[in-house]
């Protein structure tokens, strides 16, 4: 074969300057959202053993955290609460003085430019650990959960949340939340729906961090079957019809094909959650010297963006942004 009869792609990889010039996928701190676990009654920080580098935070630790995140240019935070008490309905989720409601105020006071997203689910607040009230047979009562999720959303918007993010996977919850927000005067507060949330084995560390493991059974009756990509797209489109402004795929790495499919079929911002189990595996491998942590984090976050995610929710956000 004579020189010039085949493409020399290496010409565009010859230096870092050249690689940067032709790079297709941009990743900046502003694309990232950092999850925070806020615990009622806690002072300072408490380490999460299964998630090295991550802590539960007391309300008194939030101002410093918010200023650090804003300084790094991180786009926003996703809030999860650990209440002082739980009950069958999860009433702590919509309490005006709930731990997340208080956290929102602390964060906005300290760093008003930080986008505060409030996760909406009842599993952290119910005594049984499921995402809604239970029927007599022990299953989650989908329709009974809807007004509770709507009330929680209004409470969080009233506390100052910039984005309402329902993660419960109850059918019809986006419509119920949109109607409740509009009726309460929060017509400009957007909804980021966990539209394609799969029943995944990658949630284990989160359930330790948020104290949200179900007391019995599992969540396969309402979270998605990992085998179903077309159904995931149907869930996304249904939530958009009900009023979602943004949609999420969770987890991210096993479902990059779903992220791509959602990106190609919708025009709204797409988020992907790089979940606790994905984070824990990377950190464990790095701790054992099996991988280069910085390179793997770069590849992970870039790959999620390349698949089509506009927003990446990730526990790597602070560590990654600090290296920019």
Protein backbone atom coordinates (compact mmCIF):
# COMPACT_ATOMS: atom_id res chain seq x y z
CA UNK A 1 0.00 0.00 0.00
CA UNK A 2 1.43 3.37 -1.01
CA UNK A 3 1.75 6.20 1.46
CA UNK A 4 -1.35 8.37 1.37
CA UNK A 5 -3.80 5.66 0.38
CA UNK A 6 -4.99 5.17 3.95
CA UNK A 7 -6.05 7.61 6.66
CA UNK A 8 -3.47 8.64 9.25
CA UNK A 9 -5.69 9.40 12.23
CA UNK A 10 -2.63 9.67 14.46
CA UNK A 11 -1.90 13.06 12.94
CA UNK A 12 -4.69 14.45 15.13
CA UNK A 13 -3.31 12.80 18.29
CA UNK A 14 0.28 13.96 18.05
CA UNK A 15 0.24 16.36 21.02
CA UNK A 16 -1.97 17.38 23.91
CA UNK A 17 -2.64 20.69 22.17
CA UNK A 18 -3.80 18.89 19.04
CA UNK A 19 -5.92 16.41 21.02
CA UNK A 20 -7.52 19.27 22.91
CA UNK A 21 -8.24 21.13 19.67
CA UNK A 22 -10.20 18.27 18.10
CA UNK A 23 -11.78 16.88 21.27
CA UNK A 24 -15.47 16.11 20.67
CA UNK A 25 -16.83 15.82 24.21
CA UNK A 26 -16.50 18.64 26.71
CA UNK A 27 -16.49 17.98 30.44
CA UNK A 28 -16.42 20.87 32.89
CA UNK A 29 -17.32 21.22 36.58
CA UNK A 30 -20.52 22.99 35.56
CA UNK A 31 -21.79 19.73 34.04
CA UNK A 32 -21.55 17.98 37.42
CA UNK A 33 -23.96 17.66 40.34
CA UNK A 34 -22.68 16.49 43.72
CA UNK A 35 -24.93 14.37 45.99
CA UNK A 36 -25.09 15.37 49.65
CA UNK A 37 -26.43 13.33 52.58
CA UNK A 38 -27.72 15.55 55.38
CA UNK A 39 -28.48 13.98 58.75
CA UNK A 40 -30.70 15.50 61.42
CA UNK A 41 -28.98 15.87 64.78
CA UNK A 42 -25.49 15.28 63.41
CA UNK A 43 -22.73 17.77 64.16
CA UNK A 44 -20.00 18.10 61.58
CA UNK A 45 -19.28 15.10 59.37
CA UNK A 46 -19.55 11.33 59.65
CA UNK A 47 -17.61 9.07 57.29
CA UNK A 48 -19.53 6.66 55.04
CA UNK A 49 -17.46 3.44 55.18
CA UNK A 50 -18.58 1.96 51.86
CA UNK A 51 -17.99 5.25 50.02
CA UNK A 52 -14.44 6.45 50.74
CA UNK A 53 -14.21 10.22 50.64
CA UNK A 54 -17.95 10.71 51.22
CA UNK A 55 -19.57 11.87 54.47
CA UNK A 56 -22.93 12.40 56.01
CA UNK A 57 -23.17 16.09 56.88
CA UNK A 58 -24.78 17.89 59.76
CA UNK A 59 -26.58 21.15 59.08
CA UNK A 60 -23.66 23.00 60.60
CA UNK A 61 -21.29 21.65 57.92
CA UNK A 62 -23.32 22.78 54.92
CA UNK A 63 -22.18 26.38 54.56
CA UNK A 64 -18.53 25.45 54.21
CA UNK A 65 -19.44 22.63 51.82
CA UNK A 66 -21.53 24.95 49.65
CA UNK A 67 -18.76 27.53 49.42
CA UNK A 68 -16.22 24.84 48.46
CA UNK A 69 -18.47 23.49 45.71
CA UNK A 70 -19.21 26.95 44.34
CA UNK A 71 -15.51 27.81 44.33
CA UNK A 72 -14.82 24.69 42.27
CA UNK A 73 -17.49 25.69 39.76
CA UNK A 74 -19.62 22.59 40.32
CA UNK A 75 -23.06 23.04 38.81
CA UNK A 76 -25.24 21.93 41.69
CA UNK A 77 -26.03 19.52 44.48
CA UNK A 78 -28.61 16.77 44.94
CA UNK A 79 -29.92 16.57 48.51
CA UNK A 80 -30.86 13.44 50.44
CA UNK A 81 -32.10 13.58 54.03
CA UNK A 82 -31.77 11.35 57.07
CA UNK A 83 -34.57 12.41 59.42
CA UNK A 84 -34.59 12.26 63.20
CA UNK A 85 -37.59 9.89 63.14
CA UNK A 86 -39.49 7.73 60.65
CA UNK A 87 -43.10 6.57 60.36
CA UNK A 88 -45.30 4.46 58.10
CA UNK A 89 -46.12 7.33 55.73
CA UNK A 90 -42.75 9.10 55.71
CA UNK A 91 -44.19 12.37 57.03
CA UNK A 92 -40.75 13.79 57.73
CA UNK A 93 -40.34 14.24 53.98
CA UNK A 94 -42.79 17.15 53.81
CA UNK A 95 -42.27 18.69 57.27
CA UNK A 96 -41.62 22.41 57.04
CA UNK A 97 -38.70 22.01 59.45
CA UNK A 98 -37.48 18.78 57.86
CA UNK A 99 -33.76 18.18 57.56
CA UNK A 100 -33.67 18.77 53.79
CA UNK A 101 -35.89 21.83 54.05
CA UNK A 102 -33.45 23.31 56.56
CA UNK A 103 -30.48 22.24 54.45
CA UNK A 104 -31.80 24.08 51.40
CA UNK A 105 -31.83 27.36 53.31
CA UNK A 106 -28.30 26.86 54.63
CA UNK A 107 -26.95 26.08 51.15
CA UNK A 108 -28.70 28.98 49.43
CA UNK A 109 -27.52 31.43 52.08
CA UNK A 110 -23.92 30.29 51.74
CA UNK A 111 -23.73 29.94 47.94
CA UNK A 112 -26.81 31.31 46.17
CA UNK A 113 -25.32 30.55 42.74
CA UNK A 114 -25.29 26.80 43.46
CA UNK A 115 -28.27 24.96 41.93
CA UNK A 116 -29.97 23.01 44.71
CA UNK A 117 -31.80 19.90 43.56
CA UNK A 118 -34.03 18.16 46.08
CA UNK A 119 -34.57 14.43 45.69
CA UNK A 120 -38.23 13.50 46.26
CA UNK A 121 -38.83 10.02 47.60
CA UNK A 122 -40.25 8.58 50.81
CA UNK A 123 -37.88 5.63 51.33
CA UNK A 124 -35.53 7.58 53.63
CA UNK A 125 -38.50 8.65 55.75
CA UNK A 126 -40.67 5.53 56.00
CA UNK A 127 -40.18 3.02 58.79
CA UNK A 128 -40.41 0.17 56.26
CA UNK A 129 -37.98 1.70 53.76
CA UNK A 130 -40.24 1.55 50.72
CA UNK A 131 -40.99 4.50 48.44
CA UNK A 132 -44.64 4.96 49.41
CA UNK A 133 -47.33 3.82 51.84
CA UNK A 134 -48.09 0.11 51.89
CA UNK A 135 -51.24 -1.70 50.84
CA UNK A 136 -52.71 -4.50 52.96
CA UNK A 137 -50.73 -7.08 51.00
CA UNK A 138 -47.43 -5.30 51.72
CA UNK A 139 -46.97 -3.83 48.24
CA UNK A 140 -46.50 -0.11 47.71
CA UNK A 141 -49.79 1.70 47.07
CA UNK A 142 -48.91 3.73 43.98
CA UNK A 143 -51.91 6.08 44.01
CA UNK A 144 -51.77 6.71 47.76
CA UNK A 145 -48.15 7.81 47.35
CA UNK A 146 -48.92 10.51 44.80
CA UNK A 147 -50.41 13.19 47.09
CA UNK A 148 -47.59 12.61 49.60
CA UNK A 149 -44.94 13.07 46.91
CA UNK A 150 -46.75 16.19 45.70
CA UNK A 151 -46.91 17.61 49.23
CA UNK A 152 -43.22 16.89 49.71
CA UNK A 153 -42.39 18.67 46.45
CA UNK A 154 -44.32 21.79 47.43
CA UNK A 155 -42.63 21.81 50.84
CA UNK A 156 -39.18 21.61 49.21
CA UNK A 157 -40.02 24.33 46.69
CA UNK A 158 -41.27 26.53 49.50
CA UNK A 159 -37.95 25.98 51.30
CA UNK A 160 -36.12 27.29 48.23
CA UNK A 161 -35.19 24.25 46.14
CA UNK A 162 -34.26 25.19 42.58
CA UNK A 163 -35.17 21.79 41.10
CA UNK A 164 -37.58 19.07 42.25
CA UNK A 165 -36.26 15.57 41.45
CA UNK A 166 -38.73 12.71 42.06
CA UNK A 167 -36.95 9.34 42.28
CA UNK A 168 -39.74 7.09 43.58
CA UNK A 169 -40.84 5.58 40.23
CA UNK A 170 -44.54 5.76 41.06
CA UNK A 171 -46.70 5.97 37.94
CA UNK A 172 -48.25 9.42 37.53
CA UNK A 173 -46.09 11.21 40.07
CA UNK A 174 -44.74 13.82 37.66
CA UNK A 175 -48.25 14.98 36.77
CA UNK A 176 -49.28 15.06 40.44
CA UNK A 177 -46.18 17.06 41.37
CA UNK A 178 -46.53 19.50 38.46
CA UNK A 179 -50.14 20.23 39.33
CA UNK A 180 -49.30 20.71 43.00
CA UNK A 181 -46.36 23.00 42.30
CA UNK A 182 -48.42 25.12 39.90
CA UNK A 183 -51.34 25.34 42.31
CA UNK A 184 -48.98 26.52 45.05
CA UNK A 185 -47.51 29.24 42.84
CA UNK A 186 -44.26 27.46 41.93
CA UNK A 187 -44.87 27.48 38.20
CA UNK A 188 -41.23 28.25 37.41
CA UNK A 189 -39.71 25.43 39.50
CA UNK A 190 -38.56 22.68 37.11
CA UNK A 191 -38.91 18.93 37.57
CA UNK A 192 -35.98 16.60 36.92
CA UNK A 193 -37.60 13.19 36.79
CA UNK A 194 -35.72 10.02 37.57
CA UNK A 195 -37.57 8.71 34.54
CA UNK A 196 -35.56 5.55 33.83
CA UNK A 197 -34.49 4.30 37.23
CA UNK A 198 -33.52 0.66 37.13
CA UNK A 199 -33.75 -1.92 39.92
CA UNK A 200 -30.00 -2.18 40.30
CA UNK A 201 -27.42 -3.96 42.39
CA UNK A 202 -25.30 -0.81 42.29
CA UNK A 203 -27.33 1.01 44.99
CA UNK A 204 -25.94 -0.80 48.03
CA UNK A 205 -23.58 1.89 49.38
CA UNK A 206 -26.25 4.57 48.93
CA UNK A 207 -28.68 2.61 51.07
CA UNK A 208 -26.10 2.54 53.84
CA UNK A 209 -25.41 6.25 53.41
CA UNK A 210 -29.09 7.24 53.37
CA UNK A 211 -30.33 4.52 55.75
CA UNK A 212 -32.95 3.66 53.14
CA UNK A 213 -32.77 -0.10 52.61
CA UNK A 214 -36.23 -1.72 52.52
CA UNK A 215 -37.09 -3.65 55.67
CA UNK A 216 -38.48 -6.49 53.54
CA UNK A 217 -38.67 -7.43 49.89
CA UNK A 218 -37.15 -5.23 47.21
CA UNK A 219 -38.13 -2.48 44.77
CA UNK A 220 -38.38 -4.51 41.57
CA UNK A 221 -42.14 -4.02 41.52
CA UNK A 222 -41.74 -0.32 40.75
CA UNK A 223 -38.17 0.25 39.59
CA UNK A 224 -37.31 -0.85 36.05
CA UNK A 225 -36.16 -4.28 34.90
CA UNK A 226 -32.51 -3.92 33.78
CA UNK A 227 -33.27 -5.89 30.60
CA UNK A 228 -35.75 -3.36 29.20
CA UNK A 229 -34.36 -0.52 27.12
CA UNK A 230 -37.45 0.20 25.04
CA UNK A 231 -39.59 0.34 28.15
CA UNK A 232 -37.15 2.84 29.63
CA UNK A 233 -37.71 5.13 26.68
CA UNK A 234 -41.46 4.76 27.19
CA UNK A 235 -41.06 5.83 30.84
CA UNK A 236 -39.11 8.89 29.73
CA UNK A 237 -41.65 9.95 27.13
CA UNK A 238 -44.52 9.46 29.58
CA UNK A 239 -42.84 11.70 32.16
CA UNK A 240 -42.25 14.38 29.55
CA UNK A 241 -45.93 14.28 28.61
CA UNK A 242 -46.79 14.77 32.29
CA UNK A 243 -44.64 17.89 32.59
CA UNK A 244 -41.05 16.87 33.35
CA UNK A 245 -38.54 19.51 32.28
CA UNK A 246 -35.50 17.22 32.47
CA UNK A 247 -35.12 13.44 32.66
CA UNK A 248 -32.60 11.12 34.26
CA UNK A 249 -31.20 7.65 33.62
CA UNK A 250 -29.97 5.81 36.73
CA UNK A 251 -27.50 4.09 37.07
CA UNK A 252 -25.23 5.46 34.36
CA UNK A 253 -22.52 2.99 33.36
CA UNK A 254 -24.57 -0.18 32.72
CA UNK A 255 -27.15 1.92 30.85
CA UNK A 256 -25.09 4.07 28.47
CA UNK A 257 -27.19 2.71 25.62
CA UNK A 258 -30.32 4.01 27.34
CA UNK A 259 -28.72 7.44 27.83
CA UNK A 260 -27.94 7.52 24.11
CA UNK A 261 -31.46 6.44 23.15
CA UNK A 262 -33.02 9.11 25.39
CA UNK A 263 -30.69 11.76 23.98
CA UNK A 264 -31.65 10.86 20.42
CA UNK A 265 -35.41 10.83 21.10
CA UNK A 266 -35.77 13.97 23.24
CA UNK A 267 -34.77 17.61 23.20
CA UNK A 268 -34.78 18.25 26.96
CA UNK A 269 -31.67 18.13 29.17
CA UNK A 270 -30.69 14.56 30.05
CA UNK A 271 -29.08 13.68 33.38
CA UNK A 272 -27.32 10.47 34.34
CA UNK A 273 -26.53 9.32 37.89
CA UNK A 274 -23.09 7.77 38.36
CA UNK A 275 -24.30 5.88 41.42
CA UNK A 276 -22.76 4.79 44.70
CA UNK A 277 -21.83 1.26 43.67
CA UNK A 278 -20.06 2.53 40.56
CA UNK A 279 -18.16 5.00 42.72
CA UNK A 280 -17.31 2.44 45.40
CA UNK A 281 -15.87 -0.04 42.87
CA UNK A 282 -13.58 2.59 41.37
CA UNK A 283 -12.41 3.76 44.80
CA UNK A 284 -11.77 0.20 46.00
CA UNK A 285 -9.76 -0.68 42.91
CA UNK A 286 -7.74 2.53 43.23
CA UNK A 287 -7.09 1.84 46.92
CA UNK A 288 -5.64 -1.53 45.97
CA UNK A 289 -3.42 0.02 43.31
CA UNK A 290 -5.18 -1.79 40.46
CA UNK A 291 -6.14 1.32 38.51
CA UNK A 292 -5.05 4.93 38.08
CA UNK A 293 -7.87 6.77 39.89
CA UNK A 294 -7.60 10.07 38.05
CA UNK A 295 -7.55 8.48 34.59
CA UNK A 296 -10.45 6.17 35.36
CA UNK A 297 -12.57 9.01 36.75
CA UNK A 298 -11.80 11.09 33.67
CA UNK A 299 -12.86 8.21 31.40
CA UNK A 300 -15.97 7.46 33.43
CA UNK A 301 -17.33 10.99 33.45
CA UNK A 302 -16.34 11.65 29.84
CA UNK A 303 -17.98 8.40 28.73
CA UNK A 304 -21.25 9.35 30.41
CA UNK A 305 -21.14 12.74 28.72
CA UNK A 306 -20.23 11.16 25.36
CA UNK A 307 -23.25 8.86 25.62
CA UNK A 308 -25.45 11.95 25.70
CA UNK A 309 -25.80 13.17 29.28
CA UNK A 310 -25.92 16.93 29.71
CA UNK A 311 -25.73 16.60 33.50
CA UNK A 312 -23.72 14.02 35.42
CA UNK A 313 -24.65 13.40 39.06
CA UNK A 314 -21.53 11.92 40.62
CA UNK A 315 -19.69 11.44 43.90
CA UNK A 316 -16.47 12.10 41.97
CA UNK A 317 -17.45 15.72 41.35
CA UNK A 318 -15.34 17.43 44.01
CA UNK A 319 -12.26 15.29 43.48
CA UNK A 320 -12.47 15.74 39.70
CA UNK A 321 -13.15 19.48 39.78
CA UNK A 322 -10.27 20.07 42.20
CA UNK A 323 -7.87 18.79 39.53
CA UNK A 324 -9.04 21.22 36.84
